[in-house]
Protein backbone atom coordinates (compact mmCIF):
# COMPACT_ATOMS: atom_id res chain seq x y z
CA MET A 1 35.69 140.42 57.16
CA LYS A 2 35.46 143.37 54.43
CA LEU A 3 31.78 144.81 55.30
CA LEU A 4 29.86 144.95 51.50
CA THR A 5 27.89 147.71 50.18
CA ILE A 6 24.06 146.94 50.19
CA ALA A 7 24.37 146.57 46.44
CA ALA A 8 27.10 144.21 46.46
CA PHE A 9 25.17 142.44 49.01
CA GLY A 10 22.52 142.07 46.84
CA SER A 11 24.36 141.03 43.54
CA LEU A 12 25.88 138.38 45.63
CA LEU A 13 22.78 137.07 46.95
CA ILE A 14 21.82 136.75 43.27
CA GLY A 15 24.97 135.15 42.35
CA ALA A 16 25.62 132.39 44.57
CA THR A 17 24.43 128.96 44.40
CA LEU A 18 24.08 127.09 47.99
CA THR A 19 24.96 123.64 48.84
CA ALA A 20 21.52 123.29 50.69
CA GLU A 21 20.07 123.68 47.29
CA ALA A 22 21.54 120.35 46.32
CA VAL A 23 20.57 118.47 49.13
CA ASP A 24 18.02 115.77 47.59
CA PRO A 25 18.11 112.54 49.97
CA THR A 26 18.32 109.52 48.21
CA PRO A 27 15.31 107.12 48.61
CA ALA A 28 16.23 104.27 51.04
CA THR A 29 14.42 101.54 48.26
CA ASN A 30 14.54 102.01 44.79
CA LYS A 31 10.70 101.37 44.84
CA PRO A 32 9.10 104.52 45.59
CA LEU A 33 7.00 104.34 48.45
CA GLN A 34 3.53 104.86 48.30
CA LEU A 35 1.40 107.47 50.91
CA ASN A 36 0.47 104.99 53.03
CA GLU A 37 3.55 103.26 53.56
CA MET A 38 4.96 107.15 54.40
CA LYS A 39 2.56 107.49 56.73
CA GLN A 40 3.24 104.82 58.71
CA LEU A 41 7.36 105.91 58.50
CA ARG A 42 6.22 109.32 59.51
CA LYS A 43 4.10 108.04 62.35
CA GLN A 44 7.23 105.83 63.29
CA ALA A 45 9.31 108.78 63.18
CA ALA A 46 6.94 110.88 65.57
CA GLN A 47 7.43 108.15 68.49
CA ARG A 48 10.95 108.44 68.79
CA SER A 49 12.43 109.08 72.23
CA ARG A 50 13.50 112.98 71.93
CA ARG A 51 14.80 114.18 76.10
CA VAL A 52 15.13 117.75 75.21
CA LEU A 53 14.32 119.64 72.20
CA PHE A 54 16.39 122.70 71.74
CA ASN A 55 15.01 125.68 69.77
CA ASP A 56 17.85 127.94 68.40
CA ASP A 57 16.74 131.27 66.71
CA GLY A 58 19.03 130.97 63.90
CA ASN A 59 22.11 133.30 64.19
CA ASP A 60 24.47 134.86 66.41
CA VAL A 61 25.25 138.48 66.98
CA LYS A 62 28.69 137.16 67.24
CA PRO A 63 30.94 137.65 63.70
CA TYR A 64 31.49 133.87 62.14
CA LYS A 65 33.26 133.65 58.45
CA THR A 66 32.43 129.57 58.48
CA PRO A 67 30.01 126.80 59.14
CA GLU A 68 32.52 125.92 61.84
CA GLU A 69 32.27 129.21 63.97
CA LEU A 70 29.12 129.27 63.30
CA ILE A 71 28.20 125.91 65.17
CA SER A 72 30.94 126.80 67.40
CA LEU A 73 28.77 129.74 68.61
CA ARG A 74 25.99 127.97 70.42
CA VAL A 75 25.05 124.75 68.41
CA LYS A 76 28.16 122.85 69.32
CA GLN A 77 27.36 123.09 72.92
CA VAL A 78 24.19 120.64 73.11
CA ALA A 79 26.33 118.03 71.30
CA ASN A 80 26.73 114.93 73.64
CA THR A 81 24.16 116.21 76.44
CA GLN A 82 20.67 114.99 76.32
CA VAL A 83 19.26 117.27 73.31
CA ASP A 84 18.32 114.89 70.84
CA THR A 85 16.47 117.14 68.41
CA ILE A 86 17.13 121.08 67.17
CA PHE A 87 14.92 123.19 66.30
CA TYR A 88 16.66 125.82 64.45
CA CYS A 89 14.58 129.15 63.54
CA THR A 90 16.07 130.80 60.73
CA GLY A 91 13.39 134.04 60.67
CA GLY A 92 9.72 134.87 60.54
CA GLY A 93 7.48 137.23 58.64
CA GLY A 94 9.08 136.02 55.27
CA LEU A 95 12.39 137.50 56.52
CA PHE A 96 15.27 135.41 57.04
CA TRP A 97 18.46 135.94 58.93
CA GLY A 98 19.29 132.24 59.16
CA HIS A 99 18.73 130.84 55.18
CA GLN A 100 19.02 131.67 51.94
CA PRO A 101 15.34 131.43 51.01
CA LYS A 102 14.03 131.14 47.04
CA VAL A 103 10.53 131.98 48.74
CA GLY A 104 11.11 135.09 51.08
CA GLU A 105 13.64 137.45 51.55
CA VAL A 106 17.06 137.37 53.67
CA LEU A 107 18.39 140.06 55.49
CA GLY A 108 20.73 142.52 54.43
CA GLU A 109 18.70 144.74 51.79
CA PHE A 110 17.69 147.57 54.67
CA VAL A 111 20.79 146.79 57.02
CA LYS A 112 23.03 150.02 57.08
CA GLU A 113 26.13 150.43 59.19
CA SER A 114 24.87 152.12 61.89
CA ASP A 115 22.40 149.35 63.01
CA GLY A 116 24.80 147.63 65.13
CA GLU A 117 27.87 145.12 65.28
CA GLY A 118 25.04 142.25 65.72
CA VAL A 119 23.14 143.01 62.86
CA LEU A 120 26.21 143.48 60.27
CA ALA A 121 27.58 140.31 61.64
CA MET A 122 23.86 138.30 60.89
CA ARG A 123 24.34 140.09 57.61
CA ASP A 124 28.12 139.03 56.68
CA GLY A 125 27.91 135.56 58.34
CA LEU A 126 25.21 134.96 55.61
CA ILE A 127 27.33 136.22 52.84
CA ALA A 128 30.53 134.42 53.80
CA LEU A 129 28.50 131.47 54.52
CA LYS A 130 26.84 132.07 50.91
CA GLU A 131 30.24 132.52 49.31
CA GLN A 132 31.31 128.84 50.39
CA GLY A 133 28.06 127.27 48.55
CA THR A 134 26.11 127.11 52.24
CA ASP A 135 24.31 129.04 55.15
CA PRO A 136 23.35 128.50 58.35
CA LEU A 137 20.17 126.20 57.99
CA ALA A 138 22.25 124.00 55.86
CA ALA A 139 25.32 123.75 58.10
CA VAL A 140 23.57 122.84 60.91
CA VAL A 141 21.52 120.26 59.53
CA GLU A 142 24.67 118.50 58.52
CA TYR A 143 26.37 119.25 61.92
CA GLY A 144 22.96 117.76 63.63
CA HIS A 145 22.83 114.65 61.90
CA LYS A 146 26.63 113.98 62.02
CA ASN A 147 25.84 114.30 66.04
CA ASN A 148 22.87 111.98 65.90
CA MET A 149 20.40 114.81 66.52
CA GLU A 150 17.34 115.46 64.39
CA VAL A 151 16.92 118.66 62.76
CA PHE A 152 13.68 120.58 62.50
CA TRP A 153 13.26 124.13 60.44
CA SER A 154 11.18 126.51 63.10
CA TYR A 155 9.14 129.31 61.11
CA ARG A 156 7.79 131.87 63.53
CA MET A 157 4.19 132.31 62.24
CA ASN A 158 4.06 136.27 62.93
CA ASN A 159 7.29 138.24 63.87
CA PRO A 160 6.34 141.76 64.42
CA GLU A 161 9.86 142.55 65.81
CA ASP A 162 10.21 144.69 62.74
CA SER A 163 7.52 147.28 64.34
CA PHE A 164 11.21 148.59 65.94
CA VAL A 165 13.85 147.73 63.66
CA ASP A 166 13.67 148.92 60.36
CA TRP A 167 16.40 146.69 59.04
CA GLY A 168 13.94 143.79 59.70
CA PHE A 169 11.06 144.98 58.12
CA ALA A 170 10.34 142.90 54.75
CA LYS A 171 10.30 144.34 51.55
CA ARG A 172 6.95 142.77 51.13
CA LYS A 173 5.31 144.45 54.09
CA ARG A 174 6.55 147.71 52.42
CA GLU A 175 5.03 147.05 49.19
CA HIS A 176 1.96 145.63 50.41
CA PRO A 177 0.70 147.48 53.58
CA GLU A 178 -2.47 146.13 53.45
CA TYR A 179 -0.90 142.77 54.33
CA ILE A 180 -0.10 144.12 57.86
CA MET A 181 -2.41 145.14 60.70
CA GLY A 182 -1.23 148.83 61.65
CA THR A 183 0.96 151.62 60.69
CA LYS A 184 4.30 152.91 62.20
CA ALA A 185 2.38 155.67 63.92
CA ASP A 186 1.04 152.92 66.38
CA TRP A 187 4.23 152.75 67.83
CA ASP A 188 4.19 155.83 69.41
CA HIS A 189 0.43 155.88 70.38
CA ASN A 190 0.63 152.58 72.73
CA ASN A 191 2.85 150.88 74.77
CA LEU A 192 4.03 147.54 74.48
CA THR A 193 1.88 145.84 76.89
CA GLU A 194 -0.71 146.70 74.19
CA ALA A 195 -1.63 144.66 71.23
CA LYS A 196 -1.63 147.22 68.76
CA VAL A 197 1.81 148.59 69.26
CA TRP A 198 2.85 145.73 67.13
CA TRP A 199 1.86 147.18 64.13
CA ALA A 200 3.69 145.01 61.55
CA LEU A 201 2.07 141.54 62.55
CA GLU A 202 0.84 140.06 59.44
CA ASP A 203 -2.95 139.85 59.12
CA PHE A 204 -4.03 135.75 58.84
CA ALA A 205 -7.55 136.89 57.74
CA ARG A 206 -5.93 137.57 53.93
CA PRO A 207 -5.45 134.39 51.92
CA GLU A 208 -2.36 136.43 50.23
CA VAL A 209 -0.71 136.03 53.75
CA ARG A 210 -1.42 132.32 54.38
CA ASP A 211 -0.76 131.10 50.70
CA TYR A 212 2.89 132.74 50.77
CA ILE A 213 3.39 130.88 54.32
CA VAL A 214 2.99 127.83 52.85
CA GLN A 215 4.94 128.31 49.85
CA ILE A 216 8.07 129.66 52.59
CA PHE A 217 7.76 125.84 54.09
CA GLU A 218 7.63 124.23 50.39
CA ASP A 219 10.74 126.06 49.69
CA VAL A 220 12.51 125.03 52.93
CA CYS A 221 10.97 121.23 52.65
CA LYS A 222 12.00 120.81 48.85
CA ARG A 223 15.70 122.13 49.62
CA TYR A 224 17.04 120.98 52.95
CA ASP A 225 17.70 117.79 54.25
CA ILE A 226 15.41 118.87 57.97
CA ASP A 227 13.63 115.96 59.67
CA GLY A 228 10.49 118.16 60.21
CA ILE A 229 9.20 121.69 60.31
CA GLU A 230 7.30 123.68 63.54
CA LEU A 231 4.68 125.92 62.77
CA ASP A 232 5.53 128.11 65.98
CA TYR A 233 2.71 130.35 66.80
CA ILE A 234 3.93 131.40 70.45
CA ARG A 235 6.27 133.52 69.27
CA HIS A 236 4.11 136.81 69.23
CA PRO A 237 0.79 134.98 68.96
CA LEU A 238 -1.30 137.44 67.30
CA PHE A 239 -2.99 136.51 63.99
CA PHE A 240 -6.55 138.13 63.39
CA ARG A 241 -7.45 141.91 63.73
CA PRO A 242 -9.93 140.65 66.68
CA ASN A 243 -7.08 140.46 69.25
CA LEU A 244 -5.95 143.65 68.70
CA ASP A 245 -8.96 144.94 71.18
CA GLY A 246 -8.62 141.14 72.97
CA LYS A 247 -11.38 139.41 71.52
CA PRO A 248 -11.17 135.89 70.18
CA ALA A 249 -10.52 135.24 66.37
CA THR A 250 -13.86 134.30 65.03
CA PRO A 251 -15.32 130.87 63.96
CA SER A 252 -14.23 131.69 60.21
CA GLN A 253 -11.12 132.95 61.20
CA VAL A 254 -10.14 129.63 62.71
CA ALA A 255 -11.46 128.03 59.42
CA MET A 256 -8.94 130.08 57.56
CA MET A 257 -6.10 128.89 59.87
CA THR A 258 -6.80 125.07 59.64
CA ASP A 259 -7.21 125.25 56.22
CA MET A 260 -3.55 126.75 55.90
CA VAL A 261 -2.32 124.25 58.31
CA ARG A 262 -4.15 121.39 55.84
CA LYS A 263 -2.03 122.92 52.68
CA ILE A 264 1.10 122.38 55.03
CA ARG A 265 0.43 118.78 55.91
CA ALA A 266 -0.57 118.29 52.10
CA MET A 267 2.46 120.05 50.76
CA THR A 268 5.02 117.91 53.21
CA GLU A 269 3.31 114.51 52.41
CA ARG A 270 3.77 115.51 48.58
CA VAL A 271 7.30 115.92 49.40
CA SER A 272 8.27 113.53 51.80
CA LEU A 273 7.28 111.06 49.16
CA GLU A 274 9.71 112.64 46.52
CA ARG A 275 12.43 112.61 48.75
CA GLY A 276 11.75 109.23 49.93
CA ARG A 277 11.73 109.73 53.70
CA PRO A 278 8.97 111.56 55.98
CA ILE A 279 8.87 115.25 57.05
CA LEU A 280 7.09 115.67 60.59
CA VAL A 281 5.22 118.48 61.30
CA SER A 282 5.44 120.01 64.84
CA VAL A 283 2.97 122.80 66.31
CA ARG A 284 4.17 124.91 69.25
CA ALA A 285 0.71 126.03 70.80
CA PRO A 286 -0.87 128.17 73.86
CA LEU A 287 -1.47 125.77 77.07
CA SER A 288 -4.99 124.99 76.22
CA VAL A 289 -7.41 124.23 73.63
CA GLU A 290 -9.69 127.75 74.26
CA SER A 291 -6.40 129.87 74.01
CA GLY A 292 -5.49 128.47 71.16
CA LEU A 293 -9.04 128.88 69.59
CA SER A 294 -8.91 132.74 70.68
CA ILE A 295 -5.97 133.42 68.22
CA GLY A 296 -7.56 131.35 65.46
CA LEU A 297 -5.69 127.48 66.51
CA ASP A 298 -7.91 124.43 66.32
CA ILE A 299 -5.71 122.22 68.26
CA PRO A 300 -8.50 119.23 68.37
CA THR A 301 -9.26 119.49 64.57
CA TYR A 302 -5.56 119.19 63.68
CA LEU A 303 -5.20 116.06 65.77
CA LYS A 304 -8.35 114.46 64.83
CA GLU A 305 -7.25 115.10 60.94
CA ASP A 306 -3.54 113.81 61.62
CA LEU A 307 -2.14 117.41 60.72
CA MET A 308 0.44 117.05 63.09
CA ASP A 309 2.96 114.74 64.62
CA ILE A 310 4.19 116.48 67.71
CA LEU A 311 2.97 119.22 69.95
CA ILE A 312 4.81 121.46 71.72
CA ALA A 313 2.61 123.00 74.60
CA GLY A 314 3.65 126.25 76.70
CA GLN A 315 3.71 129.91 76.78
CA ASP A 316 6.43 132.47 77.31
CA TYR A 317 4.76 133.65 80.75
CA VAL A 318 3.88 131.63 84.12
CA GLN A 319 6.80 129.04 83.94
CA MET A 320 7.04 127.99 87.16
CA GLY A 321 3.85 125.74 88.07
CA VAL A 322 2.22 124.35 84.60
CA ALA A 323 0.53 121.80 86.15
CA SER A 324 -2.81 120.43 85.48
CA ASP A 325 -2.97 122.63 82.11
CA LEU A 326 -0.08 120.79 80.86
CA LYS A 327 -1.71 117.30 81.87
CA ASN A 328 -4.86 118.47 79.72
CA MET A 329 -2.74 119.07 76.71
CA VAL A 330 -1.02 116.08 77.09
CA THR A 331 -4.20 113.91 77.60
CA LEU A 332 -6.07 115.48 74.30
CA ALA A 333 -2.91 115.02 72.22
CA HIS A 334 -2.47 111.09 73.64
CA LYS A 335 -5.86 110.46 73.03
CA TYR A 336 -4.58 110.56 69.05
CA GLY A 337 -0.92 109.32 69.63
CA VAL A 338 0.53 112.57 69.76
CA PRO A 339 3.87 113.37 72.00
CA THR A 340 3.65 116.66 74.15
CA TYR A 341 6.66 118.20 74.65
CA ALA A 342 6.75 121.04 77.58
CA LEU A 343 8.23 124.44 76.61
CA ILE A 344 10.18 125.74 79.35
CA VAL A 345 12.15 129.45 78.68
CA PRO A 346 13.79 132.00 80.74
CA PRO A 347 11.26 132.72 83.98
CA LYS A 348 9.91 136.20 83.71
CA PRO A 349 9.73 138.64 84.92
CA TYR A 350 11.55 137.19 88.28
CA ASN A 351 15.39 137.48 88.18
CA ILE A 352 15.00 134.85 91.14
CA TYR A 353 13.85 132.17 89.16
CA THR A 354 17.03 131.95 86.96
CA ASP A 355 18.96 130.04 89.52
CA ASN A 356 19.19 126.53 88.23
CA ARG A 357 16.91 125.01 91.03
CA ALA A 358 14.05 126.99 90.35
CA TRP A 359 14.92 125.38 86.39
CA ARG A 360 15.05 121.71 87.89
CA GLY A 361 11.62 122.25 89.94
CA ALA A 362 9.93 123.63 87.08
CA VAL A 363 11.41 121.01 84.27
CA MET A 364 10.35 117.82 87.21
CA ASN A 365 7.01 119.59 86.94
CA ARG A 366 6.82 119.05 83.20
CA TRP A 367 7.80 115.44 83.65
CA TYR A 368 5.57 114.70 86.54
CA TRP A 369 2.49 116.37 84.64
CA GLY A 370 3.15 114.20 81.61
CA ALA A 371 5.52 115.76 79.04
CA ASP A 372 7.06 113.29 77.01
CA GLY A 373 9.80 115.57 76.89
CA ILE A 374 11.14 119.25 77.31
CA TYR A 375 11.79 121.74 74.67
CA THR A 376 13.42 124.91 75.73
CA PHE A 377 13.34 128.08 74.25
CA ASN A 378 15.75 131.71 74.45
CA LEU A 379 18.78 129.33 76.09
CA PHE A 380 21.51 130.59 74.36
CA PRO A 381 24.65 127.85 75.46
CA ASN A 382 27.74 130.21 74.28
CA SER A 383 29.46 127.91 76.86
CA PRO A 384 28.67 124.35 78.25
CA ASP A 385 25.33 124.47 80.11
CA SER A 386 24.35 121.71 83.18
CA LYS A 387 20.90 122.42 81.66
CA PHE A 388 20.94 120.14 78.69
CA SER A 389 22.54 117.43 80.66
CA GLU A 390 20.11 117.45 83.09
CA PHE A 391 16.55 118.24 82.00
CA GLY A 392 16.31 114.95 79.79
CA SER A 393 14.98 112.77 82.05
CA ARG A 394 13.27 112.40 85.59
CA GLU A 395 16.29 110.49 86.83
CA SER A 396 18.80 112.65 86.11
CA LEU A 397 16.81 115.50 88.04
CA LYS A 398 16.72 113.14 90.99
CA GLY A 399 18.55 114.00 94.04
CA LEU A 400 19.47 117.50 92.45
CA ASP A 401 18.45 120.64 94.91
CA LYS A 402 15.15 122.67 93.61
CA ILE A 403 12.87 125.29 94.09
CA TYR A 404 9.20 124.91 93.36
CA GLY A 405 7.23 127.73 92.97
CA ILE A 406 3.98 129.58 92.09
CA ASP A 407 3.99 132.10 89.39
CA ASN A 408 2.69 135.98 90.14
CA PRO A 409 2.53 137.26 86.44
CA ILE A 410 2.71 140.82 86.56
CA GLU A 411 0.45 142.35 84.06
CA GLU A 412 2.29 145.70 83.49
CA SER A 413 5.24 143.11 82.74
CA VAL A 414 3.49 140.74 79.85
CA LEU A 415 4.04 142.18 75.99
CA GLY A 416 0.59 142.86 74.49
CA THR A 417 1.37 139.73 71.90
CA PHE A 418 1.13 137.35 74.78
CA LYS A 419 -1.37 138.34 76.56
CA MET A 420 -4.38 136.53 74.86
CA VAL A 421 -2.67 133.17 75.15
CA MET A 422 -1.59 133.49 78.95
CA VAL A 423 -2.77 130.78 80.89
CA ALA A 424 -2.06 131.66 84.50
CA PRO A 425 -5.18 129.97 87.30
CA ASP A 426 -4.24 129.32 90.69
CA ARG A 427 -1.32 131.92 90.54
CA LEU A 428 -0.60 134.49 92.87
CA PRO A 429 -1.11 137.25 94.32
CA ILE A 430 -3.73 135.48 97.15
CA PRO A 431 -5.40 137.67 99.52
CA LEU A 432 -5.12 136.79 102.97
CA SER A 433 -8.01 137.06 105.69
CA PHE A 434 -8.69 137.13 109.64
CA LYS A 435 -11.64 134.72 108.67
CA ASN A 436 -11.05 131.92 106.47
CA TYR A 437 -7.92 130.07 105.27
CA ALA A 438 -6.79 131.10 101.99
CA THR A 439 -5.37 127.98 99.52
CA ALA A 440 -2.60 128.09 97.50
CA LYS A 441 -1.80 124.97 94.92
CA LEU A 442 1.99 124.25 94.86
CA SER A 443 2.90 121.85 92.30
CA VAL A 444 5.82 119.49 93.86
CA GLY A 445 6.88 116.95 90.36
CA GLU A 446 8.29 114.04 92.71
CA ASP A 447 8.22 112.52 95.84
CA ILE A 448 11.24 114.57 97.34
CA VAL A 449 11.68 111.85 100.48
CA ALA A 450 11.84 108.56 97.79
CA ASN A 451 14.08 110.91 95.79
CA THR A 452 16.55 111.44 98.45
CA PRO A 453 20.12 110.19 97.34
CA ALA A 454 21.49 107.36 99.87
CA GLY A 455 23.67 108.48 102.22
CA LYS A 456 22.15 112.20 101.97
CA THR A 457 18.96 113.82 103.81
CA VAL A 458 16.29 116.13 102.08
CA SER A 459 15.22 118.98 104.26
CA ALA A 460 12.51 121.71 102.80
CA GLY A 461 11.40 125.04 103.43
CA LEU A 462 8.84 127.45 102.05
CA ARG A 463 9.77 130.95 101.25
CA PHE A 464 6.98 133.62 101.44
CA LYS A 465 7.03 137.75 100.62
CA ILE A 466 3.42 139.26 102.27
CA ALA A 467 2.22 142.61 101.44
CA GLY A 468 0.14 144.80 103.68
CA LEU A 469 0.86 143.15 107.19
CA ALA A 470 0.23 145.48 109.88
CA LYS A 471 3.15 145.36 112.32
CA ASP A 472 1.73 143.21 114.73
CA ASP A 473 -0.31 140.52 112.13
CA GLN A 474 1.04 137.02 112.29
CA VAL A 475 0.00 134.35 109.27
CA ASP A 476 -0.51 130.76 110.61
CA VAL A 477 0.10 128.07 107.70
CA LYS A 478 -1.35 124.47 107.26
CA ILE A 479 0.46 122.34 105.01
CA ASN A 480 -1.77 119.38 103.55
CA GLY A 481 -4.22 119.79 106.86
CA ARG A 482 -1.14 119.71 109.12
CA PRO A 483 -0.80 123.21 111.29
CA ALA A 484 2.76 124.30 110.01
CA GLY A 485 3.19 127.09 112.57
CA SER A 486 3.80 130.56 111.14
CA PRO A 487 6.67 131.66 109.42
CA THR A 488 9.60 133.94 110.40
CA PRO A 489 11.67 136.79 109.03
CA GLY A 490 13.96 135.56 106.10
CA GLY A 491 15.69 136.58 103.16
CA LEU A 492 13.09 137.11 101.04
CA GLY A 493 10.28 137.86 103.25
CA TYR A 494 9.48 135.36 105.76
CA ASP A 495 10.51 131.56 106.26
CA LEU A 496 8.88 128.11 107.48
CA LYS A 497 10.51 124.94 107.89
CA VAL A 498 8.68 122.09 106.48
CA ASP A 499 8.94 118.13 107.60
CA PRO A 500 9.88 116.64 104.08
CA LYS A 501 7.29 113.70 104.66
CA TRP A 502 4.47 116.20 104.67
CA ILE A 503 5.10 116.90 100.84
CA LYS A 504 3.56 114.79 98.46
CA PRO A 505 3.84 114.59 94.58
CA GLY A 506 1.57 116.67 92.78
CA TYR A 507 -0.38 119.56 94.23
CA ASN A 508 0.00 120.35 97.97
CA GLN A 509 -2.32 122.76 99.56
CA ILE A 510 -0.61 125.64 101.50
CA GLU A 511 -3.45 127.23 103.76
CA MET A 512 -2.64 130.40 105.15
CA LYS A 513 -4.77 132.61 107.43
CA LEU A 514 -4.24 135.74 109.45
CA ALA A 515 -3.50 135.12 113.33
CA SER A 516 -3.13 138.57 114.90
CA ASN A 517 -4.94 141.98 114.66
CA GLY A 518 -2.85 144.22 114.52
CA SER A 519 -4.80 146.06 111.52
CA LYS A 520 -7.75 146.02 113.22
CA GLY A 521 -9.70 143.77 111.29
CA ILE A 522 -8.93 144.83 108.04
CA ASP A 523 -8.44 142.36 105.73
CA ASN A 524 -5.54 143.84 103.04
CA ALA A 525 -2.81 141.50 103.20
CA ALA A 526 -2.28 139.37 99.99
CA VAL A 527 0.72 136.47 99.42
CA THR A 528 2.92 138.00 96.47
CA PHE A 529 5.77 135.40 96.39
CA LEU A 530 5.60 131.47 97.40
CA ASP A 531 7.87 128.75 96.75
CA MET A 532 9.78 125.92 98.31
CA VAL A 533 13.53 125.29 98.41
CA VAL A 534 14.64 121.44 98.33
CA THR A 535 17.88 121.07 99.40
CA TYR A 536 19.83 117.33 99.78
CA GLN A 537 22.87 117.22 102.26
C-alpha cells in the first residue's frame, strides 16, 4: 500500500466515516427494558460458560489491507477452538492502534517513516480499513459474533510504553505534562526494574485523567456492538505517585479509583438500556485483595456494590503455581456470584517453561484451585495452536503430559511497574540445611493416577537445581512424608524418580535436607529450581 504523509493521514481521519459508528443494536423487544430487567439480563450473561478467554492486543505488525487480512493474522486461529470470548485490546493511555475513536487519539500523527515496518503497518492498516468504512475493532466484533464468540473491548488503564516510543506518546500527554508522573529524563536516570523509569504513566489522582477514561469507555460502548468491556489494571499496574517509591496508594486515592469505576458502571447501565442488551464489566486485577489495594483497587467494594460482572485474576510474573492465592480470589468473587477467570501468560523469566507440558500443568492448577475458565494474554497464534483446544476444561487436559513447577521470580528480571502487585509466597529459592528438612510446596492440579488413560501407565519425576553444594554433599528428599532417597545428576541438575501413587491433588510437600558433610557444616546450599514431570506412556 502506498504510504501516506502525516498530513494526508490526518485529513483522512477527519473525512472518513466508520461502519462501526453505525452499529446500533436493535432492542430485542419493542417495549423498552427497565433497569432491573437489564440487570437481570446482565447477570444471566455473566454466568454463561466461557472456557478460554483470548486477549488480543489489537493489531499486528504484519501488513493488512482488508478486514479479512486483519482477521487472518491471529483472530481466525481461535475460531472453532475452546475460545468462547475474545478480549480485543485497541490501546491505552488515550491513544489507539486498533480502533477509530471519537474520544482519544488514533495512531499516526507522530509516526515517522523511520519508526519501522511494524509501526507503519499498524498505521497503514488503520487507514486502509477506514477507507472501507470500518476498523479493526468493528471487524473483530463482526467476525466474533458470526463465529459464536463474544467480543469484549479491553482498555489498558495505564500504558507507559510510550516512555520509550515517541510515536505512541499521545498529543494529550504532550500538551498536559501535569497529567503524567515523570519526564523524559527519568528514562535515562533509572533502569527498567524501577517504577520511575516509566515516566509516561498517567497520574490517576488527577480528576481530568479519570474523567477522560470514563469518556473513552462511553465512546466505545455507544459505537460498537461489544458484549462487554475490560478494565485492564494489570498491563503496567501503577496509578498513583506513592507507587513510584514502592509505597501503597492512600485511602483517598483508593476512593478516587472506586468512584471512577462507579461512573463506568453507571455509564454501561445507561448505554445498555439505550441499545437494549447488557454490556458486561470485567476487571483484570492482581492475585490478592492486598496487592490490589496497594495500587488503588478495592476489589471487595467493586463486588459488594455490583460494579463488576467478571473478575480476571493474575499477574505477568509467577505463572506456575498460583494455587491458594487464586483460590482466595475465587472464593471472594463467588461469594457475590461473580465468575473468576485465571490469567496465564508466557512464563517469565524461564524459557524452559515455554514447553507445552508446563503450560498444561499451570492451566490444570488453575482449574483445580477454582477458576471458572482460563484467560490467555500475550499469546499470538499466527498459526493454529493446540493450547486453545486444550486449556478449556479439565477433561481435555486429562491424560496429557505435564510439568508442575514452583516459580523462582528473579528480582532483576521484574519490570518496575509490576513489583507492587507480584504475589509470590512459597516460592523458590529455598535454603537447605544439615539440621532440618526444608519444605517446598508443589501444587499438582489433578490425581495423576486416576487421570491415566486406559492402556497407558503414568510416571513421575522430580527435577532439581541446587546451588552451593560442595563436592561431596548429597540431599535427602521426602515426598508427602515418605523417604524418596537422593536425587541423581540429570539434564537440568538433579533427577529423582517418584512413585506416582505418592502424588496427591493439591499441595505436595517436598522436604529436603543436606545429607553429607562435604561443606563441613556450612549451610550455604539452596534449591533454585524444582518441578515434576508427569508422563503417560
